[in-house]
Amino acid sequence: MKLWKMISRFEADETGAVTVDWVVLTASVCGLVALAMAGIKGNMTSIGQKTEQFLTAQTINTTF
């Protein structure tokens, strides 16, 4: 009987449940951010290269 009481008390205990929820939520947000960064990594490199080419081709007029 004592074992049954201990099992039912353990089953009803909800301490730490909010912590587990936050850990799962934080892990999923971090995973989504990592996935998004991996997806745009290649595009960011090409945008940087195009910007460099554009700025290199510009001339600055120094005569007034």
N, C-alpha and C. Protein backbone atom coordinates (compact mmCIF):
# COMPACT_ATOMS: atom_id res chain seq x y z
N MET A 1 0.82 -1.19 0.00
CA MET A 1 0.00 0.00 0.00
C MET A 1 0.86 1.26 0.00
N LYS A 2 1.97 1.20 0.72
CA LYS A 2 2.86 2.36 0.78
C LYS A 2 3.46 2.66 -0.60
N LEU A 3 3.79 1.61 -1.33
CA LEU A 3 4.34 1.80 -2.67
C LEU A 3 3.32 2.44 -3.59
N TRP A 4 2.07 2.00 -3.49
CA TRP A 4 1.00 2.57 -4.32
C TRP A 4 0.81 4.06 -4.03
N LYS A 5 0.90 4.44 -2.75
CA LYS A 5 0.76 5.83 -2.35
C LYS A 5 1.92 6.67 -2.90
N MET A 6 3.13 6.11 -2.85
CA MET A 6 4.31 6.81 -3.35
C MET A 6 4.22 7.00 -4.87
N ILE A 7 3.73 6.01 -5.57
CA ILE A 7 3.59 6.10 -7.03
C ILE A 7 2.55 7.15 -7.39
N SER A 8 1.42 7.15 -6.70
CA SER A 8 0.38 8.14 -7.02
C SER A 8 0.83 9.56 -6.67
N ARG A 9 1.61 9.72 -5.59
CA ARG A 9 2.14 11.03 -5.24
C ARG A 9 3.13 11.51 -6.31
N PHE A 10 3.98 10.59 -6.78
CA PHE A 10 4.93 10.93 -7.84
C PHE A 10 4.20 11.33 -9.13
N GLU A 11 3.15 10.62 -9.44
CA GLU A 11 2.37 10.88 -10.65
C GLU A 11 1.67 12.24 -10.59
N ALA A 12 1.24 12.67 -9.40
CA ALA A 12 0.53 13.94 -9.24
C ALA A 12 1.47 15.13 -9.11
N ASP A 13 2.75 14.88 -8.86
CA ASP A 13 3.71 15.96 -8.65
C ASP A 13 4.00 16.66 -9.98
N GLU A 14 3.82 17.97 -10.01
CA GLU A 14 4.04 18.73 -11.25
C GLU A 14 5.19 19.71 -11.14
N THR A 15 6.01 19.59 -10.12
CA THR A 15 7.14 20.50 -9.98
C THR A 15 8.12 20.26 -11.12
N GLY A 16 8.56 21.32 -11.72
CA GLY A 16 9.51 21.23 -12.82
C GLY A 16 8.85 21.14 -14.18
N ALA A 17 7.54 21.04 -14.25
CA ALA A 17 6.86 20.91 -15.54
C ALA A 17 7.03 22.16 -16.38
N VAL A 18 6.99 23.32 -15.74
CA VAL A 18 7.17 24.58 -16.48
C VAL A 18 8.59 24.67 -17.01
N THR A 19 9.55 24.22 -16.23
CA THR A 19 10.94 24.24 -16.67
C THR A 19 11.12 23.38 -17.91
N VAL A 20 10.52 22.22 -17.92
CA VAL A 20 10.62 21.34 -19.08
C VAL A 20 9.98 22.01 -20.29
N ASP A 21 8.85 22.66 -20.11
CA ASP A 21 8.21 23.36 -21.22
C ASP A 21 9.12 24.44 -21.79
N TRP A 22 9.75 25.21 -20.92
CA TRP A 22 10.65 26.28 -21.39
C TRP A 22 11.88 25.71 -22.08
N VAL A 23 12.40 24.62 -21.58
CA VAL A 23 13.57 24.00 -22.22
C VAL A 23 13.21 23.53 -23.63
N VAL A 24 12.06 22.90 -23.78
CA VAL A 24 11.62 22.42 -25.09
C VAL A 24 11.38 23.61 -26.03
N LEU A 25 10.72 24.65 -25.52
CA LEU A 25 10.44 25.84 -26.33
C LEU A 25 11.74 26.52 -26.77
N THR A 26 12.68 26.68 -25.85
CA THR A 26 13.95 27.32 -26.18
C THR A 26 14.75 26.49 -27.18
N ALA A 27 14.75 25.19 -27.01
CA ALA A 27 15.47 24.32 -27.94
C ALA A 27 14.86 24.40 -29.34
N SER A 28 13.53 24.47 -29.43
CA SER A 28 12.93 24.56 -30.76
C SER A 28 13.20 25.91 -31.41
N VAL A 29 13.22 26.98 -30.64
CA VAL A 29 13.54 28.29 -31.21
C VAL A 29 14.99 28.31 -31.69
N CYS A 30 15.90 27.77 -30.91
CA CYS A 30 17.31 27.70 -31.33
C CYS A 30 17.47 26.86 -32.59
N GLY A 31 16.74 25.76 -32.66
CA GLY A 31 16.80 24.92 -33.86
C GLY A 31 16.28 25.63 -35.09
N LEU A 32 15.19 26.38 -34.93
CA LEU A 32 14.64 27.13 -36.07
C LEU A 32 15.60 28.23 -36.53
N VAL A 33 16.24 28.89 -35.58
CA VAL A 33 17.21 29.93 -35.94
C VAL A 33 18.39 29.32 -36.68
N ALA A 34 18.89 28.20 -36.20
CA ALA A 34 20.00 27.52 -36.87
C ALA A 34 19.61 27.08 -38.28
N LEU A 35 18.40 26.60 -38.43
CA LEU A 35 17.92 26.18 -39.74
C LEU A 35 17.80 27.37 -40.68
N ALA A 36 17.29 28.48 -40.18
CA ALA A 36 17.15 29.69 -41.01
C ALA A 36 18.52 30.23 -41.41
N MET A 37 19.46 30.23 -40.49
CA MET A 37 20.80 30.72 -40.80
C MET A 37 21.48 29.84 -41.85
N ALA A 38 21.28 28.54 -41.76
CA ALA A 38 21.87 27.63 -42.75
C ALA A 38 21.24 27.86 -44.12
N GLY A 39 19.96 28.21 -44.14
CA GLY A 39 19.28 28.43 -45.41
C GLY A 39 19.70 29.70 -46.12
N ILE A 40 20.03 30.76 -45.38
CA ILE A 40 20.38 32.03 -46.04
C ILE A 40 21.89 32.26 -46.10
N LYS A 41 22.68 31.30 -45.64
CA LYS A 41 24.13 31.47 -45.62
C LYS A 41 24.68 31.72 -47.03
N GLY A 42 24.28 30.91 -47.98
CA GLY A 42 24.77 31.06 -49.35
C GLY A 42 24.32 32.36 -49.99
N ASN A 43 23.09 32.76 -49.74
CA ASN A 43 22.58 34.00 -50.32
C ASN A 43 23.30 35.22 -49.76
N MET A 44 23.67 35.19 -48.50
CA MET A 44 24.36 36.33 -47.90
C MET A 44 25.74 36.51 -48.52
N THR A 45 26.40 35.42 -48.86
CA THR A 45 27.71 35.51 -49.49
C THR A 45 27.59 36.16 -50.87
N SER A 46 26.61 35.77 -51.65
CA SER A 46 26.46 36.34 -52.99
C SER A 46 26.04 37.81 -52.91
N ILE A 47 25.23 38.19 -51.93
CA ILE A 47 24.86 39.59 -51.77
C ILE A 47 26.09 40.42 -51.42
N GLY A 48 26.95 39.89 -50.55
CA GLY A 48 28.18 40.59 -50.18
C GLY A 48 29.11 40.76 -51.37
N GLN A 49 29.21 39.74 -52.20
CA GLN A 49 30.07 39.82 -53.38
C GLN A 49 29.53 40.83 -54.38
N LYS A 50 28.21 40.86 -54.58
CA LYS A 50 27.61 41.82 -55.51
C LYS A 50 27.79 43.25 -55.01
N THR A 51 27.67 43.43 -53.70
CA THR A 51 27.87 44.76 -53.12
C THR A 51 29.32 45.20 -53.31
N GLU A 52 30.25 44.28 -53.09
CA GLU A 52 31.66 44.61 -53.28
C GLU A 52 31.94 45.00 -54.73
N GLN A 53 31.39 44.26 -55.69
CA GLN A 53 31.60 44.58 -57.10
C GLN A 53 31.02 45.95 -57.45
N PHE A 54 29.84 46.25 -56.92
CA PHE A 54 29.21 47.54 -57.20
C PHE A 54 30.04 48.68 -56.63
N LEU A 55 30.48 48.55 -55.39
CA LEU A 55 31.25 49.63 -54.77
C LEU A 55 32.63 49.79 -55.39
N THR A 56 33.22 48.70 -55.84
CA THR A 56 34.52 48.78 -56.49
C THR A 56 34.42 49.50 -57.84
N ALA A 57 33.31 49.34 -58.52
CA ALA A 57 33.14 49.95 -59.85
C ALA A 57 32.83 51.44 -59.77
N GLN A 58 32.48 51.95 -58.60
CA GLN A 58 32.11 53.37 -58.46
C GLN A 58 33.35 54.26 -58.46
N THR A 59 33.22 55.44 -58.99
CA THR A 59 34.30 56.43 -58.96
C THR A 59 33.81 57.64 -58.17
N ILE A 60 34.76 58.27 -57.51
CA ILE A 60 34.44 59.44 -56.72
C ILE A 60 35.00 60.66 -57.44
N ASN A 61 34.12 61.62 -57.74
CA ASN A 61 34.52 62.83 -58.41
C ASN A 61 35.10 63.78 -57.37
N THR A 62 36.38 64.12 -57.53
CA THR A 62 37.03 65.00 -56.55
C THR A 62 37.22 66.41 -57.07
N THR A 63 36.79 66.69 -58.31
CA THR A 63 36.92 68.05 -58.83
C THR A 63 35.64 68.81 -58.53
N PHE A 64 35.80 70.04 -58.11
CA PHE A 64 34.66 70.87 -57.79
C PHE A 64 34.51 71.98 -58.75
